[in-house]
């Protein structure tokens, strides 16, 4: 992933988050499942971007995913923070070698290409 690469636009995502729970089911996916599905979809996040899917502590979620055997890549980047001040954050994305493990954890073994 190069330094300028961000998550693909919404139109390019396969929507794995939506496949985690059947439409009639009222149980929502857990935070780690939402984040892992987004990673499996090819998305990457920094801590501020992860807020959009309800993750307020991305570093902890990444740690929990790694404890389940998923390799998450990362790199530091600088973004505009409070008042426009430069803020250092970490961008995270799923290692290609962990796609199969991620799919297994989500019960989406057939989703891996």
C-alpha atoms as a PDB file:
ATOM      1  CA  UNK A   1       0.000   0.000   0.000  1.00  0.00           C
ATOM      2  CA  UNK A   2       1.664   3.256  -1.034  1.00  0.00           C
ATOM      3  CA  UNK A   3       1.738   6.383   1.115  1.00  0.00           C
ATOM      4  CA  UNK A   4      -1.190   8.063  -0.657  1.00  0.00           C
ATOM      5  CA  UNK A   5      -3.478   5.024  -0.946  1.00  0.00           C
ATOM      6  CA  UNK A   6      -6.742   5.228   0.994  1.00  0.00           C
ATOM      7  CA  UNK A   7      -9.784   2.996   1.262  1.00  0.00           C
ATOM      8  CA  UNK A   8     -11.578   2.333  -2.039  1.00  0.00           C
ATOM      9  CA  UNK A   9     -14.712   4.400  -2.723  1.00  0.00           C
ATOM     10  CA  UNK A  10     -17.981   2.951  -1.450  1.00  0.00           C
ATOM     11  CA  UNK A  11     -19.012   1.911  -4.971  1.00  0.00           C
ATOM     12  CA  UNK A  12     -15.955  -0.376  -5.196  1.00  0.00           C
ATOM     13  CA  UNK A  13     -16.571  -2.271  -1.935  1.00  0.00           C
ATOM     14  CA  UNK A  14     -18.196  -5.685  -1.860  1.00  0.00           C
ATOM     15  CA  UNK A  15     -20.238  -4.980   1.275  1.00  0.00           C
ATOM     16  CA  UNK A  16     -19.027  -7.786   3.531  1.00  0.00           C
ATOM     17  CA  UNK A  17     -20.283  -5.920   6.593  1.00  0.00           C
ATOM     18  CA  UNK A  18     -23.812  -6.281   5.239  1.00  0.00           C
ATOM     19  CA  UNK A  19     -23.306 -10.033   4.742  1.00  0.00           C
ATOM     20  CA  UNK A  20     -22.392 -10.671   8.372  1.00  0.00           C
ATOM     21  CA  UNK A  21     -25.979 -10.711   9.589  1.00  0.00           C
ATOM     22  CA  UNK A  22     -29.060 -11.924   7.690  1.00  0.00           C
ATOM     23  CA  UNK A  23     -31.487  -9.093   6.871  1.00  0.00           C
ATOM     24  CA  UNK A  24     -34.194 -10.386   9.248  1.00  0.00           C
ATOM     25  CA  UNK A  25     -31.812 -10.909  12.154  1.00  0.00           C
ATOM     26  CA  UNK A  26     -31.856  -8.186  14.803  1.00  0.00           C
ATOM     27  CA  UNK A  27     -28.412  -9.019  16.201  1.00  0.00           C
ATOM     28  CA  UNK A  28     -25.801  -6.552  15.017  1.00  0.00           C
ATOM     29  CA  UNK A  29     -22.229  -7.618  14.286  1.00  0.00           C
ATOM     30  CA  UNK A  30     -19.736  -6.924  17.038  1.00  0.00           C
ATOM     31  CA  UNK A  31     -17.179  -4.160  16.617  1.00  0.00           C
ATOM     32  CA  UNK A  32     -14.304  -6.526  15.787  1.00  0.00           C
ATOM     33  CA  UNK A  33     -16.482  -8.175  13.126  1.00  0.00           C
ATOM     34  CA  UNK A  34     -17.370  -4.836  11.496  1.00  0.00           C
ATOM     35  CA  UNK A  35     -13.739  -3.764  11.431  1.00  0.00           C
ATOM     36  CA  UNK A  36     -12.491  -7.124  10.161  1.00  0.00           C
ATOM     37  CA  UNK A  37     -15.157  -7.209   7.431  1.00  0.00           C
ATOM     38  CA  UNK A  38     -14.143  -3.718   6.337  1.00  0.00           C
ATOM     39  CA  UNK A  39     -10.491  -4.791   6.229  1.00  0.00           C
ATOM     40  CA  UNK A  40     -11.451  -7.890   4.253  1.00  0.00           C
ATOM     41  CA  UNK A  41     -13.324  -5.587   1.854  1.00  0.00           C
ATOM     42  CA  UNK A  42      -9.977  -3.909   1.150  1.00  0.00           C
ATOM     43  CA  UNK A  43     -10.465  -0.854   3.293  1.00  0.00           C
ATOM     44  CA  UNK A  44      -7.835   0.793   5.456  1.00  0.00           C
ATOM     45  CA  UNK A  45      -8.408   3.075   8.429  1.00  0.00           C
ATOM     46  CA  UNK A  46      -6.754   5.456  10.779  1.00  0.00           C
ATOM     47  CA  UNK A  47      -8.350   6.082  14.170  1.00  0.00           C
ATOM     48  CA  UNK A  48     -10.516   8.948  12.934  1.00  0.00           C
ATOM     49  CA  UNK A  49     -11.813   7.114   9.861  1.00  0.00           C
ATOM     50  CA  UNK A  50     -12.750   4.066  11.955  1.00  0.00           C
ATOM     51  CA  UNK A  51     -15.253   6.232  13.841  1.00  0.00           C
ATOM     52  CA  UNK A  52     -17.517   5.932  10.776  1.00  0.00           C
ATOM     53  CA  UNK A  53     -18.104   2.259  11.542  1.00  0.00           C
ATOM     54  CA  UNK A  54     -18.381   2.769  15.285  1.00  0.00           C
ATOM     55  CA  UNK A  55     -14.833   2.020  16.398  1.00  0.00           C
ATOM     56  CA  UNK A  56     -13.610   4.572  18.944  1.00  0.00           C
ATOM     57  CA  UNK A  57     -10.428   2.662  19.866  1.00  0.00           C
ATOM     58  CA  UNK A  58      -9.072   1.175  16.639  1.00  0.00           C
ATOM     59  CA  UNK A  59      -5.682   0.306  18.132  1.00  0.00           C
ATOM     60  CA  UNK A  60      -7.388  -1.969  20.677  1.00  0.00           C
ATOM     61  CA  UNK A  61      -9.529  -3.633  18.018  1.00  0.00           C
ATOM     62  CA  UNK A  62      -6.428  -4.266  15.909  1.00  0.00           C
ATOM     63  CA  UNK A  63      -4.713  -5.821  18.922  1.00  0.00           C
ATOM     64  CA  UNK A  64      -7.711  -8.107  19.521  1.00  0.00           C
ATOM     65  CA  UNK A  65      -7.749  -9.161  15.854  1.00  0.00           C
ATOM     66  CA  UNK A  66      -4.053  -9.974  15.983  1.00  0.00           C
ATOM     67  CA  UNK A  67      -4.677 -12.107  19.075  1.00  0.00           C
ATOM     68  CA  UNK A  68      -7.104 -14.122  16.874  1.00  0.00           C
ATOM     69  CA  UNK A  69      -4.348 -14.817  14.357  1.00  0.00           C
ATOM     70  CA  UNK A  70      -4.955 -12.016  11.861  1.00  0.00           C
ATOM     71  CA  UNK A  71      -1.972  -9.996  10.620  1.00  0.00           C
ATOM     72  CA  UNK A  72      -2.728  -6.288  10.359  1.00  0.00           C
ATOM     73  CA  UNK A  73      -0.268  -4.046   8.530  1.00  0.00           C
ATOM     74  CA  UNK A  74       0.303  -0.470   9.632  1.00  0.00           C
ATOM     75  CA  UNK A  75       2.181   2.701   8.857  1.00  0.00           C
ATOM     76  CA  UNK A  76       2.359   6.127  10.455  1.00  0.00           C
ATOM     77  CA  UNK A  77       0.808   9.103   8.716  1.00  0.00           C
ATOM     78  CA  UNK A  78       0.070  12.723   9.526  1.00  0.00           C
ATOM     79  CA  UNK A  79      -3.470  14.078   9.247  1.00  0.00           C
ATOM     80  CA  UNK A  80      -5.129  17.362  10.068  1.00  0.00           C
ATOM     81  CA  UNK A  81      -6.216  17.288  13.696  1.00  0.00           C
ATOM     82  CA  UNK A  82      -7.913  19.704  16.082  1.00  0.00           C
ATOM     83  CA  UNK A  83      -7.770  23.229  14.709  1.00  0.00           C
ATOM     84  CA  UNK A  84      -5.917  21.944  11.659  1.00  0.00           C
ATOM     85  CA  UNK A  85      -2.823  21.022  13.659  1.00  0.00           C
ATOM     86  CA  UNK A  86      -0.825  18.111  12.216  1.00  0.00           C
ATOM     87  CA  UNK A  87      -1.590  14.904  14.106  1.00  0.00           C
ATOM     88  CA  UNK A  88       0.319  11.619  13.848  1.00  0.00           C
ATOM     89  CA  UNK A  89      -1.858   8.535  13.520  1.00  0.00           C
ATOM     90  CA  UNK A  90      -1.449   4.978  12.349  1.00  0.00           C
ATOM     91  CA  UNK A  91      -3.152   3.595   9.219  1.00  0.00           C
ATOM     92  CA  UNK A  92      -4.127  -0.084   9.456  1.00  0.00           C
ATOM     93  CA  UNK A  93      -5.042  -2.638   6.778  1.00  0.00           C
ATOM     94  CA  UNK A  94      -5.338  -6.384   6.456  1.00  0.00           C
ATOM     95  CA  UNK A  95      -2.254  -8.288   5.346  1.00  0.00           C
ATOM     96  CA  UNK A  96      -3.046 -10.195   2.122  1.00  0.00           C
ATOM     97  CA  UNK A  97      -1.707 -13.321   3.834  1.00  0.00           C
ATOM     98  CA  UNK A  98      -4.503 -13.072   6.421  1.00  0.00           C
ATOM     99  CA  UNK A  99      -7.485 -12.894   4.066  1.00  0.00           C
ATOM    100  CA  UNK A 100      -8.341 -16.560   4.570  1.00  0.00           C
ATOM    101  CA  UNK A 101      -8.079 -16.336   8.380  1.00  0.00           C
ATOM    102  CA  UNK A 102     -10.243 -13.188   8.390  1.00  0.00           C
ATOM    103  CA  UNK A 103     -12.904 -14.895   6.279  1.00  0.00           C
ATOM    104  CA  UNK A 104     -12.878 -17.923   8.605  1.00  0.00           C
ATOM    105  CA  UNK A 105     -13.396 -15.730  11.669  1.00  0.00           C
ATOM    106  CA  UNK A 106     -16.343 -14.047   9.976  1.00  0.00           C
ATOM    107  CA  UNK A 107     -17.844 -17.278   8.686  1.00  0.00           C
ATOM    108  CA  UNK A 108     -17.359 -16.022   5.117  1.00  0.00           C
ATOM    109  CA  UNK A 109     -14.936 -18.615   3.778  1.00  0.00           C
ATOM    110  CA  UNK A 110     -16.419 -18.309   0.260  1.00  0.00           C
ATOM    111  CA  UNK A 111     -15.850 -14.534   0.229  1.00  0.00           C
ATOM    112  CA  UNK A 112     -12.078 -14.812  -0.245  1.00  0.00           C
ATOM    113  CA  UNK A 113     -10.914 -14.461  -3.822  1.00  0.00           C
END
